[in-house]
N, C-alpha and C. Protein backbone atom coordinates (compact mmCIF):
# COMPACT_ATOMS: atom_id res chain seq x y z
N MET A 1 2.38 12.17 -24.79
CA MET A 1 2.58 11.07 -23.86
C MET A 1 1.69 11.26 -22.64
N ASP A 2 0.98 10.22 -22.26
CA ASP A 2 0.14 10.27 -21.08
C ASP A 2 1.01 10.07 -19.85
N LEU A 3 1.06 11.07 -18.96
CA LEU A 3 1.89 10.99 -17.76
C LEU A 3 1.20 10.24 -16.62
N ALA A 4 -0.04 9.84 -16.81
CA ALA A 4 -0.79 9.06 -15.81
C ALA A 4 -0.82 9.78 -14.46
N LEU A 5 -1.09 11.06 -14.50
CA LEU A 5 -1.13 11.87 -13.27
C LEU A 5 -2.55 12.26 -12.86
N ALA A 6 -3.55 11.79 -13.59
CA ALA A 6 -4.91 12.28 -13.38
C ALA A 6 -5.44 12.08 -11.97
N SER A 7 -5.00 11.07 -11.27
CA SER A 7 -5.51 10.82 -9.92
C SER A 7 -4.54 11.29 -8.83
N ALA A 8 -3.49 11.98 -9.23
CA ALA A 8 -2.45 12.39 -8.27
C ALA A 8 -2.80 13.69 -7.58
N ARG A 9 -2.09 13.95 -6.48
CA ARG A 9 -2.20 15.22 -5.75
C ARG A 9 -0.81 15.78 -5.62
N ALA A 10 -0.70 17.10 -5.65
CA ALA A 10 0.61 17.74 -5.56
C ALA A 10 0.52 19.01 -4.73
N ILE A 11 1.62 19.34 -4.10
CA ILE A 11 1.75 20.62 -3.40
C ILE A 11 2.91 21.37 -4.06
N VAL A 12 2.64 22.60 -4.48
CA VAL A 12 3.63 23.41 -5.19
C VAL A 12 3.83 24.72 -4.46
N THR A 13 5.09 25.08 -4.23
CA THR A 13 5.39 26.34 -3.55
C THR A 13 5.74 27.42 -4.56
N GLY A 14 5.55 28.67 -4.17
CA GLY A 14 5.90 29.80 -5.01
C GLY A 14 5.07 29.87 -6.28
N ASP A 15 3.75 29.70 -6.14
CA ASP A 15 2.88 29.58 -7.30
C ASP A 15 2.45 30.90 -7.93
N ALA A 16 2.71 32.02 -7.27
CA ALA A 16 2.15 33.28 -7.74
C ALA A 16 2.69 33.68 -9.11
N SER A 17 3.91 33.26 -9.42
CA SER A 17 4.49 33.62 -10.72
C SER A 17 5.66 32.70 -11.02
N GLY A 18 6.28 32.92 -12.16
CA GLY A 18 7.52 32.22 -12.48
C GLY A 18 7.36 30.71 -12.59
N ILE A 19 8.42 30.00 -12.18
CA ILE A 19 8.46 28.55 -12.33
C ILE A 19 7.38 27.88 -11.49
N GLY A 20 7.16 28.35 -10.27
CA GLY A 20 6.12 27.76 -9.43
C GLY A 20 4.75 27.84 -10.05
N GLY A 21 4.42 28.99 -10.58
CA GLY A 21 3.12 29.15 -11.23
C GLY A 21 2.98 28.26 -12.45
N ALA A 22 4.06 28.14 -13.22
CA ALA A 22 4.03 27.28 -14.40
C ALA A 22 3.89 25.82 -14.00
N CYS A 23 4.55 25.41 -12.92
CA CYS A 23 4.44 24.02 -12.44
C CYS A 23 3.02 23.70 -12.00
N ALA A 24 2.41 24.62 -11.26
CA ALA A 24 1.03 24.41 -10.82
C ALA A 24 0.10 24.26 -12.02
N ALA A 25 0.28 25.11 -13.04
CA ALA A 25 -0.57 25.05 -14.23
C ALA A 25 -0.34 23.76 -15.02
N ALA A 26 0.93 23.35 -15.15
CA ALA A 26 1.24 22.13 -15.92
C ALA A 26 0.66 20.90 -15.24
N LEU A 27 0.77 20.83 -13.92
CA LEU A 27 0.23 19.68 -13.20
C LEU A 27 -1.29 19.68 -13.24
N ALA A 28 -1.90 20.84 -13.08
CA ALA A 28 -3.36 20.94 -13.14
C ALA A 28 -3.86 20.51 -14.52
N ALA A 29 -3.12 20.86 -15.57
CA ALA A 29 -3.51 20.48 -16.92
C ALA A 29 -3.48 18.97 -17.12
N GLU A 30 -2.67 18.27 -16.31
CA GLU A 30 -2.60 16.81 -16.37
C GLU A 30 -3.66 16.15 -15.49
N GLY A 31 -4.51 16.97 -14.86
CA GLY A 31 -5.56 16.43 -14.01
C GLY A 31 -5.17 16.25 -12.57
N VAL A 32 -4.04 16.83 -12.15
CA VAL A 32 -3.57 16.71 -10.78
C VAL A 32 -4.34 17.69 -9.89
N GLN A 33 -4.70 17.24 -8.68
CA GLN A 33 -5.23 18.15 -7.67
C GLN A 33 -4.05 18.85 -7.02
N VAL A 34 -3.98 20.17 -7.15
CA VAL A 34 -2.80 20.92 -6.72
C VAL A 34 -3.12 21.76 -5.49
N GLY A 35 -2.25 21.66 -4.50
CA GLY A 35 -2.28 22.55 -3.35
C GLY A 35 -1.24 23.65 -3.55
N VAL A 36 -1.66 24.88 -3.41
CA VAL A 36 -0.82 26.04 -3.70
C VAL A 36 -0.30 26.65 -2.41
N ILE A 37 1.01 26.84 -2.31
CA ILE A 37 1.61 27.56 -1.18
C ILE A 37 2.35 28.77 -1.71
N ASP A 38 2.02 29.96 -1.19
CA ASP A 38 2.75 31.17 -1.56
C ASP A 38 2.71 32.13 -0.38
N ARG A 39 3.76 32.92 -0.23
CA ARG A 39 3.77 33.88 0.87
C ARG A 39 2.85 35.06 0.60
N ASP A 40 2.51 35.28 -0.69
CA ASP A 40 1.57 36.32 -1.08
C ASP A 40 0.18 35.68 -1.14
N ALA A 41 -0.60 35.89 -0.10
CA ALA A 41 -1.89 35.22 0.00
C ALA A 41 -2.83 35.60 -1.13
N VAL A 42 -2.84 36.86 -1.52
CA VAL A 42 -3.75 37.32 -2.57
C VAL A 42 -3.38 36.71 -3.91
N ALA A 43 -2.08 36.75 -4.27
CA ALA A 43 -1.63 36.20 -5.54
C ALA A 43 -1.80 34.69 -5.56
N GLY A 44 -1.51 34.04 -4.45
CA GLY A 44 -1.70 32.59 -4.38
C GLY A 44 -3.15 32.19 -4.55
N ALA A 45 -4.04 32.95 -3.94
CA ALA A 45 -5.47 32.67 -4.07
C ALA A 45 -5.94 32.86 -5.51
N ALA A 46 -5.37 33.85 -6.20
CA ALA A 46 -5.76 34.09 -7.60
C ALA A 46 -5.35 32.91 -8.47
N VAL A 47 -4.13 32.38 -8.24
CA VAL A 47 -3.68 31.21 -8.99
C VAL A 47 -4.57 30.01 -8.70
N ALA A 48 -4.86 29.79 -7.42
CA ALA A 48 -5.69 28.65 -7.02
C ALA A 48 -7.08 28.74 -7.64
N ALA A 49 -7.65 29.94 -7.69
CA ALA A 49 -8.98 30.11 -8.26
C ALA A 49 -8.96 29.83 -9.76
N ARG A 50 -7.91 30.26 -10.43
CA ARG A 50 -7.81 30.05 -11.87
C ARG A 50 -7.67 28.57 -12.22
N LEU A 51 -6.95 27.83 -11.37
CA LEU A 51 -6.69 26.42 -11.64
C LEU A 51 -7.64 25.49 -10.90
N ASN A 52 -8.57 26.07 -10.14
CA ASN A 52 -9.50 25.27 -9.33
C ASN A 52 -8.73 24.43 -8.30
N ASP A 53 -7.72 25.05 -7.69
CA ASP A 53 -6.89 24.38 -6.70
C ASP A 53 -7.21 24.90 -5.31
N VAL A 54 -6.49 24.39 -4.30
CA VAL A 54 -6.64 24.88 -2.94
C VAL A 54 -5.35 25.61 -2.57
N VAL A 55 -5.43 26.53 -1.62
CA VAL A 55 -4.30 27.41 -1.34
C VAL A 55 -4.06 27.53 0.16
N ALA A 56 -2.79 27.75 0.53
CA ALA A 56 -2.41 28.07 1.90
C ALA A 56 -1.26 29.07 1.84
N GLN A 57 -1.21 29.97 2.80
CA GLN A 57 -0.15 30.98 2.83
C GLN A 57 0.98 30.50 3.73
N ALA A 58 2.22 30.66 3.23
CA ALA A 58 3.41 30.33 4.03
C ALA A 58 4.63 30.90 3.35
N ASP A 59 5.65 31.17 4.14
CA ASP A 59 6.95 31.58 3.64
C ASP A 59 7.87 30.38 3.78
N VAL A 60 8.47 29.91 2.67
CA VAL A 60 9.27 28.70 2.73
C VAL A 60 10.52 28.86 3.60
N ALA A 61 10.85 30.09 3.99
CA ALA A 61 11.96 30.30 4.92
C ALA A 61 11.55 30.03 6.37
N ASP A 62 10.26 29.85 6.60
CA ASP A 62 9.72 29.64 7.95
C ASP A 62 9.15 28.24 8.03
N GLU A 63 9.94 27.29 8.56
CA GLU A 63 9.52 25.89 8.55
C GLU A 63 8.21 25.64 9.28
N PRO A 64 7.96 26.22 10.46
CA PRO A 64 6.67 25.97 11.11
C PRO A 64 5.47 26.39 10.26
N SER A 65 5.60 27.52 9.57
CA SER A 65 4.47 27.96 8.73
C SER A 65 4.30 27.04 7.53
N VAL A 66 5.39 26.52 7.00
CA VAL A 66 5.31 25.56 5.89
C VAL A 66 4.64 24.27 6.36
N ARG A 67 5.04 23.82 7.54
CA ARG A 67 4.45 22.59 8.09
C ARG A 67 2.94 22.75 8.26
N ALA A 68 2.53 23.90 8.79
CA ALA A 68 1.09 24.15 8.99
C ALA A 68 0.37 24.22 7.65
N ALA A 69 1.01 24.84 6.65
CA ALA A 69 0.38 24.95 5.33
C ALA A 69 0.21 23.57 4.69
N ILE A 70 1.21 22.71 4.82
CA ILE A 70 1.12 21.38 4.24
C ILE A 70 0.06 20.55 4.97
N GLU A 71 -0.02 20.69 6.27
CA GLU A 71 -1.08 20.01 7.02
C GLU A 71 -2.45 20.42 6.49
N SER A 72 -2.63 21.74 6.30
CA SER A 72 -3.91 22.26 5.84
C SER A 72 -4.23 21.76 4.43
N LEU A 73 -3.24 21.81 3.53
CA LEU A 73 -3.47 21.40 2.15
C LEU A 73 -3.69 19.89 2.05
N ALA A 74 -2.93 19.14 2.82
CA ALA A 74 -3.09 17.68 2.80
C ALA A 74 -4.50 17.29 3.21
N GLU A 75 -5.03 17.98 4.22
CA GLU A 75 -6.40 17.69 4.65
C GLU A 75 -7.40 18.07 3.56
N ALA A 76 -7.18 19.23 2.93
CA ALA A 76 -8.10 19.69 1.89
C ALA A 76 -8.05 18.80 0.65
N LEU A 77 -6.88 18.22 0.38
CA LEU A 77 -6.72 17.35 -0.79
C LEU A 77 -7.11 15.91 -0.51
N GLY A 78 -7.42 15.61 0.74
CA GLY A 78 -7.77 14.24 1.09
C GLY A 78 -6.58 13.36 1.39
N GLY A 79 -5.46 14.01 1.75
CA GLY A 79 -4.26 13.26 2.11
C GLY A 79 -3.20 13.31 1.03
N ILE A 80 -1.97 13.00 1.43
CA ILE A 80 -0.85 12.89 0.50
C ILE A 80 -0.41 11.44 0.51
N ARG A 81 -0.33 10.82 -0.68
CA ARG A 81 -0.06 9.39 -0.77
C ARG A 81 1.23 9.14 -1.54
N PRO A 82 1.77 7.90 -1.45
CA PRO A 82 2.87 7.55 -2.34
C PRO A 82 2.42 7.75 -3.79
N GLY A 83 3.27 8.38 -4.57
CA GLY A 83 2.90 8.68 -5.95
C GLY A 83 2.45 10.12 -6.13
N ASP A 84 2.21 10.85 -5.04
CA ASP A 84 1.88 12.26 -5.14
C ASP A 84 3.16 13.07 -5.19
N GLY A 85 3.04 14.36 -5.44
CA GLY A 85 4.23 15.17 -5.67
C GLY A 85 4.33 16.39 -4.79
N LEU A 86 5.56 16.81 -4.57
CA LEU A 86 5.84 18.05 -3.86
C LEU A 86 6.89 18.79 -4.64
N ARG A 87 6.59 19.98 -5.06
CA ARG A 87 7.58 20.81 -5.73
C ARG A 87 7.91 21.95 -4.79
N GLY A 88 9.19 22.09 -4.44
CA GLY A 88 9.56 23.16 -3.54
C GLY A 88 11.03 23.10 -3.20
N CYS A 89 11.36 23.31 -1.94
CA CYS A 89 12.74 23.24 -1.51
C CYS A 89 12.82 22.38 -0.26
N ALA A 90 13.93 22.45 0.47
CA ALA A 90 14.17 21.48 1.54
C ALA A 90 13.14 21.55 2.65
N ARG A 91 12.72 22.73 3.04
CA ARG A 91 11.77 22.83 4.16
C ARG A 91 10.42 22.21 3.82
N PRO A 92 9.84 22.50 2.63
CA PRO A 92 8.59 21.81 2.29
C PRO A 92 8.76 20.29 2.24
N LEU A 93 9.91 19.82 1.78
CA LEU A 93 10.11 18.37 1.72
C LEU A 93 10.10 17.77 3.11
N ARG A 94 10.83 18.36 4.04
CA ARG A 94 10.86 17.83 5.40
C ARG A 94 9.47 17.85 6.02
N SER A 95 8.77 18.98 5.84
CA SER A 95 7.44 19.11 6.44
C SER A 95 6.45 18.16 5.79
N GLY A 96 6.53 18.01 4.47
CA GLY A 96 5.61 17.12 3.78
C GLY A 96 5.84 15.68 4.17
N HIS A 97 7.10 15.32 4.38
CA HIS A 97 7.39 13.94 4.77
C HIS A 97 6.85 13.66 6.16
N ARG A 98 6.92 14.63 7.06
CA ARG A 98 6.36 14.43 8.40
C ARG A 98 4.86 14.20 8.31
N ARG A 99 4.20 14.89 7.36
CA ARG A 99 2.74 14.79 7.26
C ARG A 99 2.31 13.44 6.67
N HIS A 100 2.97 13.04 5.61
CA HIS A 100 2.59 11.80 4.94
C HIS A 100 3.58 11.54 3.83
N ARG A 101 3.24 10.64 2.93
CA ARG A 101 4.11 10.28 1.83
C ARG A 101 3.89 11.26 0.68
N HIS A 102 4.95 11.44 -0.12
CA HIS A 102 4.83 12.19 -1.36
C HIS A 102 5.99 11.77 -2.24
N ARG A 103 5.99 12.22 -3.50
CA ARG A 103 7.12 11.95 -4.37
C ARG A 103 7.37 13.16 -5.25
N GLY A 104 8.65 13.46 -5.47
CA GLY A 104 9.01 14.53 -6.38
C GLY A 104 9.50 15.76 -5.65
N LEU A 105 10.66 16.26 -6.06
CA LEU A 105 11.19 17.47 -5.45
C LEU A 105 11.93 18.23 -6.51
N GLU A 106 11.59 19.48 -6.64
CA GLU A 106 12.36 20.36 -7.48
C GLU A 106 12.78 21.51 -6.61
N PRO A 107 14.01 21.46 -5.98
CA PRO A 107 14.40 22.50 -5.06
C PRO A 107 14.42 23.87 -5.71
N GLY A 108 14.08 24.87 -4.93
CA GLY A 108 14.06 26.22 -5.43
C GLY A 108 15.45 26.80 -5.55
N PRO A 109 15.55 28.08 -5.99
CA PRO A 109 16.85 28.71 -6.19
C PRO A 109 17.68 28.68 -4.91
N SER A 110 18.98 28.48 -5.06
CA SER A 110 19.86 28.40 -3.90
C SER A 110 21.23 28.87 -4.28
N GLY A 111 21.89 29.59 -3.35
CA GLY A 111 23.27 30.02 -3.57
C GLY A 111 24.26 28.91 -3.35
N GLN A 112 23.80 27.80 -2.82
CA GLN A 112 24.66 26.65 -2.55
C GLN A 112 24.20 25.48 -3.40
N GLN A 113 24.42 25.60 -4.71
CA GLN A 113 23.87 24.61 -5.63
C GLN A 113 24.41 23.20 -5.38
N GLU A 114 25.70 23.09 -5.14
CA GLU A 114 26.27 21.77 -4.92
C GLU A 114 25.72 21.15 -3.65
N ALA A 115 25.47 21.96 -2.62
CA ALA A 115 24.88 21.44 -1.39
C ALA A 115 23.49 20.87 -1.65
N VAL A 116 22.73 21.52 -2.53
CA VAL A 116 21.39 21.04 -2.84
C VAL A 116 21.47 19.74 -3.65
N VAL A 117 22.48 19.64 -4.53
CA VAL A 117 22.68 18.39 -5.27
C VAL A 117 22.92 17.24 -4.31
N GLN A 118 23.82 17.46 -3.33
CA GLN A 118 24.13 16.41 -2.37
C GLN A 118 22.94 16.10 -1.46
N LEU A 119 22.17 17.13 -1.10
CA LEU A 119 20.97 16.92 -0.30
C LEU A 119 19.96 16.07 -1.06
N THR A 120 19.80 16.34 -2.35
CA THR A 120 18.89 15.56 -3.18
C THR A 120 19.29 14.10 -3.19
N ARG A 121 20.58 13.83 -3.36
CA ARG A 121 21.06 12.45 -3.38
C ARG A 121 20.83 11.77 -2.03
N ALA A 122 21.17 12.48 -0.95
CA ALA A 122 21.03 11.89 0.38
C ALA A 122 19.58 11.58 0.70
N LEU A 123 18.68 12.51 0.40
CA LEU A 123 17.27 12.30 0.69
C LEU A 123 16.68 11.18 -0.16
N SER A 124 17.13 11.08 -1.40
CA SER A 124 16.61 10.02 -2.27
C SER A 124 16.97 8.65 -1.71
N THR A 125 18.14 8.54 -1.09
CA THR A 125 18.56 7.28 -0.48
C THR A 125 17.79 7.01 0.80
N ASP A 126 17.67 8.03 1.63
CA ASP A 126 16.99 7.87 2.92
C ASP A 126 15.51 7.54 2.75
N LEU A 127 14.86 8.12 1.75
CA LEU A 127 13.41 8.00 1.62
C LEU A 127 12.97 6.92 0.64
N ALA A 128 13.92 6.30 -0.07
CA ALA A 128 13.57 5.26 -1.04
C ALA A 128 12.77 4.11 -0.43
N PRO A 129 13.08 3.65 0.80
CA PRO A 129 12.28 2.56 1.37
C PRO A 129 10.81 2.92 1.56
N GLU A 130 10.50 4.22 1.59
CA GLU A 130 9.11 4.66 1.75
C GLU A 130 8.47 5.00 0.40
N ARG A 131 9.13 4.57 -0.68
CA ARG A 131 8.62 4.80 -2.04
C ARG A 131 8.51 6.28 -2.36
N ILE A 132 9.44 7.05 -1.82
CA ILE A 132 9.49 8.48 -2.10
C ILE A 132 10.73 8.76 -2.95
N ARG A 133 10.51 9.36 -4.12
CA ARG A 133 11.63 9.74 -4.97
C ARG A 133 11.93 11.23 -4.81
N VAL A 134 13.19 11.58 -4.89
CA VAL A 134 13.63 12.97 -4.76
C VAL A 134 14.52 13.32 -5.94
N ASN A 135 14.07 14.23 -6.77
CA ASN A 135 14.85 14.68 -7.92
C ASN A 135 14.88 16.20 -7.97
N ARG A 136 15.81 16.71 -8.72
CA ARG A 136 16.01 18.16 -8.79
C ARG A 136 16.10 18.59 -10.24
N VAL A 137 15.47 19.70 -10.55
CA VAL A 137 15.60 20.31 -11.87
C VAL A 137 16.48 21.55 -11.74
N CYS A 138 17.52 21.61 -12.55
CA CYS A 138 18.47 22.72 -12.48
C CYS A 138 18.54 23.41 -13.85
N PRO A 139 17.68 24.38 -14.10
CA PRO A 139 17.71 25.07 -15.40
C PRO A 139 18.75 26.17 -15.43
N SER A 140 19.10 26.58 -16.63
CA SER A 140 19.94 27.77 -16.78
C SER A 140 19.04 28.99 -16.61
N VAL A 141 19.28 30.05 -17.31
CA VAL A 141 18.48 31.27 -17.14
C VAL A 141 17.05 31.02 -17.62
N VAL A 142 16.09 31.35 -16.76
CA VAL A 142 14.67 31.21 -17.07
C VAL A 142 14.05 32.60 -17.06
N ASN A 143 13.17 32.85 -17.99
CA ASN A 143 12.56 34.17 -18.12
C ASN A 143 11.51 34.40 -17.03
N THR A 144 11.99 34.77 -15.85
CA THR A 144 11.13 35.07 -14.71
C THR A 144 11.52 36.42 -14.12
N PRO A 145 10.66 37.04 -13.34
CA PRO A 145 11.03 38.31 -12.69
C PRO A 145 12.31 38.18 -11.85
N MET A 146 12.49 37.06 -11.16
CA MET A 146 13.68 36.87 -10.34
C MET A 146 14.94 36.86 -11.21
N SER A 147 14.87 36.20 -12.37
CA SER A 147 16.04 36.13 -13.24
C SER A 147 16.39 37.50 -13.81
N HIS A 148 15.39 38.29 -14.12
CA HIS A 148 15.66 39.66 -14.60
C HIS A 148 16.51 40.41 -13.58
N THR A 149 16.18 40.24 -12.31
CA THR A 149 16.93 40.91 -11.24
C THR A 149 18.30 40.29 -11.05
N ASP A 150 18.35 38.96 -10.99
CA ASP A 150 19.61 38.27 -10.72
C ASP A 150 20.64 38.50 -11.82
N VAL A 151 20.20 38.43 -13.07
CA VAL A 151 21.12 38.57 -14.20
C VAL A 151 21.35 40.03 -14.56
N GLY A 152 20.44 40.90 -14.12
CA GLY A 152 20.57 42.32 -14.42
C GLY A 152 20.20 42.66 -15.85
N VAL A 153 19.20 41.95 -16.37
CA VAL A 153 18.76 42.17 -17.75
C VAL A 153 17.30 42.59 -17.75
N VAL A 154 17.00 43.65 -18.48
CA VAL A 154 15.62 44.14 -18.55
C VAL A 154 14.82 43.34 -19.57
N ASP A 155 15.43 43.03 -20.71
CA ASP A 155 14.73 42.33 -21.79
C ASP A 155 15.61 41.18 -22.28
N PHE A 156 15.18 39.95 -22.04
CA PHE A 156 15.98 38.79 -22.46
C PHE A 156 16.02 38.63 -23.98
N ASP A 157 15.18 39.35 -24.72
CA ASP A 157 15.24 39.29 -26.17
C ASP A 157 16.53 39.91 -26.70
N THR A 158 17.23 40.67 -25.85
CA THR A 158 18.45 41.35 -26.30
C THR A 158 19.73 40.56 -26.00
N VAL A 159 19.63 39.44 -25.30
CA VAL A 159 20.84 38.70 -24.91
C VAL A 159 21.25 37.73 -26.01
N THR A 160 22.52 37.31 -25.95
CA THR A 160 23.05 36.44 -27.01
C THR A 160 22.98 34.97 -26.64
N TYR A 161 22.57 34.63 -25.41
CA TYR A 161 22.46 33.24 -24.99
C TYR A 161 20.99 32.84 -24.91
N PRO A 162 20.70 31.53 -25.04
CA PRO A 162 19.30 31.08 -25.00
C PRO A 162 18.72 31.17 -23.60
N VAL A 163 17.44 31.47 -23.53
CA VAL A 163 16.72 31.61 -22.27
C VAL A 163 15.49 30.72 -22.32
N GLN A 164 15.25 29.99 -21.21
CA GLN A 164 14.10 29.09 -21.14
C GLN A 164 12.87 29.83 -20.65
N SER A 165 11.72 29.25 -20.93
CA SER A 165 10.47 29.76 -20.37
C SER A 165 10.11 28.94 -19.14
N PRO A 166 9.34 29.50 -18.21
CA PRO A 166 8.88 28.71 -17.05
C PRO A 166 8.09 27.47 -17.47
N ASP A 167 7.35 27.56 -18.58
CA ASP A 167 6.57 26.41 -19.04
C ASP A 167 7.48 25.24 -19.43
N GLU A 168 8.63 25.53 -20.01
CA GLU A 168 9.57 24.46 -20.37
C GLU A 168 10.07 23.74 -19.13
N VAL A 169 10.42 24.50 -18.09
CA VAL A 169 10.88 23.89 -16.84
C VAL A 169 9.75 23.09 -16.20
N ALA A 170 8.54 23.62 -16.26
CA ALA A 170 7.39 22.95 -15.64
C ALA A 170 7.12 21.59 -16.28
N ARG A 171 7.36 21.48 -17.58
CA ARG A 171 7.16 20.18 -18.23
C ARG A 171 8.16 19.15 -17.70
N HIS A 172 9.39 19.58 -17.40
CA HIS A 172 10.37 18.67 -16.79
C HIS A 172 9.89 18.20 -15.42
N VAL A 173 9.37 19.14 -14.65
CA VAL A 173 8.90 18.82 -13.30
C VAL A 173 7.72 17.85 -13.36
N ALA A 174 6.78 18.09 -14.27
CA ALA A 174 5.62 17.21 -14.40
C ALA A 174 6.06 15.80 -14.75
N TYR A 175 7.03 15.68 -15.64
CA TYR A 175 7.54 14.35 -16.00
C TYR A 175 8.16 13.66 -14.79
N LEU A 176 8.98 14.38 -14.03
CA LEU A 176 9.65 13.77 -12.88
C LEU A 176 8.66 13.40 -11.78
N CYS A 177 7.51 14.04 -11.73
CA CYS A 177 6.48 13.70 -10.74
C CYS A 177 5.61 12.53 -11.20
N SER A 178 5.79 12.09 -12.42
CA SER A 178 4.87 11.10 -12.99
C SER A 178 5.42 9.68 -12.89
N PRO A 179 4.54 8.68 -13.00
CA PRO A 179 4.99 7.28 -13.03
C PRO A 179 5.90 6.99 -14.21
N ALA A 180 5.85 7.83 -15.25
CA ALA A 180 6.71 7.61 -16.42
C ALA A 180 8.18 7.71 -16.08
N SER A 181 8.50 8.41 -14.98
CA SER A 181 9.90 8.59 -14.56
C SER A 181 10.25 7.74 -13.35
N LEU A 182 9.50 6.67 -13.12
CA LEU A 182 9.66 5.86 -11.92
C LEU A 182 11.10 5.41 -11.64
N PRO A 183 11.90 5.04 -12.63
CA PRO A 183 13.27 4.61 -12.33
C PRO A 183 14.22 5.74 -11.96
N ILE A 184 13.78 6.99 -12.12
CA ILE A 184 14.67 8.14 -11.90
C ILE A 184 14.57 8.59 -10.45
N ASN A 185 15.69 8.56 -9.74
CA ASN A 185 15.70 8.96 -8.33
C ASN A 185 17.09 9.47 -7.96
N GLY A 186 17.14 10.55 -7.18
CA GLY A 186 18.41 11.11 -6.74
C GLY A 186 19.16 11.83 -7.84
N THR A 187 18.44 12.28 -8.84
CA THR A 187 19.06 12.86 -10.04
C THR A 187 18.84 14.37 -10.10
N THR A 188 19.84 15.08 -10.60
CA THR A 188 19.69 16.49 -10.95
C THR A 188 19.59 16.59 -12.46
N LEU A 189 18.44 17.04 -12.93
CA LEU A 189 18.24 17.23 -14.37
C LEU A 189 18.70 18.63 -14.74
N VAL A 190 19.80 18.71 -15.46
CA VAL A 190 20.34 19.99 -15.90
C VAL A 190 19.78 20.31 -17.28
N SER A 191 19.09 21.43 -17.40
CA SER A 191 18.55 21.87 -18.68
C SER A 191 19.16 23.23 -19.01
N ASP A 192 20.22 23.20 -19.81
CA ASP A 192 20.99 24.43 -20.05
C ASP A 192 21.45 24.56 -21.50
N PHE A 193 20.75 23.88 -22.41
CA PHE A 193 21.08 23.95 -23.84
C PHE A 193 22.48 23.40 -24.12
N GLY A 194 23.03 22.59 -23.22
CA GLY A 194 24.33 21.99 -23.42
C GLY A 194 25.51 22.85 -23.02
N TYR A 195 25.27 24.01 -22.42
CA TYR A 195 26.36 24.92 -22.09
C TYR A 195 27.28 24.36 -21.01
N LEU A 196 26.73 23.63 -20.06
CA LEU A 196 27.57 23.07 -19.00
C LEU A 196 28.62 22.13 -19.59
N ALA A 197 28.24 21.41 -20.62
CA ALA A 197 29.16 20.47 -21.25
C ALA A 197 30.20 21.17 -22.12
N ARG A 198 29.87 22.37 -22.61
CA ARG A 198 30.73 23.01 -23.61
C ARG A 198 31.53 24.19 -23.10
N SER A 199 30.99 24.97 -22.19
CA SER A 199 31.65 26.22 -21.87
C SER A 199 31.13 26.81 -20.58
N SER A 200 31.73 27.93 -20.17
CA SER A 200 31.24 28.69 -19.02
C SER A 200 29.99 29.45 -19.44
N PHE A 201 29.05 29.60 -18.48
CA PHE A 201 27.77 30.23 -18.79
C PHE A 201 27.38 31.15 -17.65
N PRO A 202 26.75 32.28 -17.92
CA PRO A 202 26.43 33.22 -16.84
C PRO A 202 25.47 32.70 -15.80
N ALA A 203 24.77 31.59 -16.07
CA ALA A 203 23.85 31.03 -15.07
C ALA A 203 24.63 30.31 -13.99
């Protein structure tokens, strides 16, 4: 399916590895101009060089640094327009909205999941008049270095429950950033192999 993203621009946080890196690669493969934000300047630059993207260093816990990074990337990308995407968490969304228009949000990991769900809904309502959509992807366990630490598992090949790859999550994000998902707004996409509907799950 053609996601019609070839002329789009996106800013992705946490690109050095894991879900962020997979999202940057998936969007770049669709022809998107990607701005990379990572607190590890060296790793972020390596990702940007591989994908022919632009990079800025920032820690998403530091809103002023995120705002400065988005300003820098927006200028390098030629601006952020309606129809462009931002993958990150609440601080990049606030900063990106101050800079210009964008569409798409996949909040990062949070200990307050329900609060992020409600934030996604509220922002989608507030920003809809500006043609900005806000959606969230909520996967179960994903095979990333962070998940190995969080779940306390060295090798996910040994577990009895299914585990997603970062590339699978990235495909969901790319779809939600595309015109193909235009009617979808204020939604949390749960990708957990149906466990939420059936039973308790360690994620």
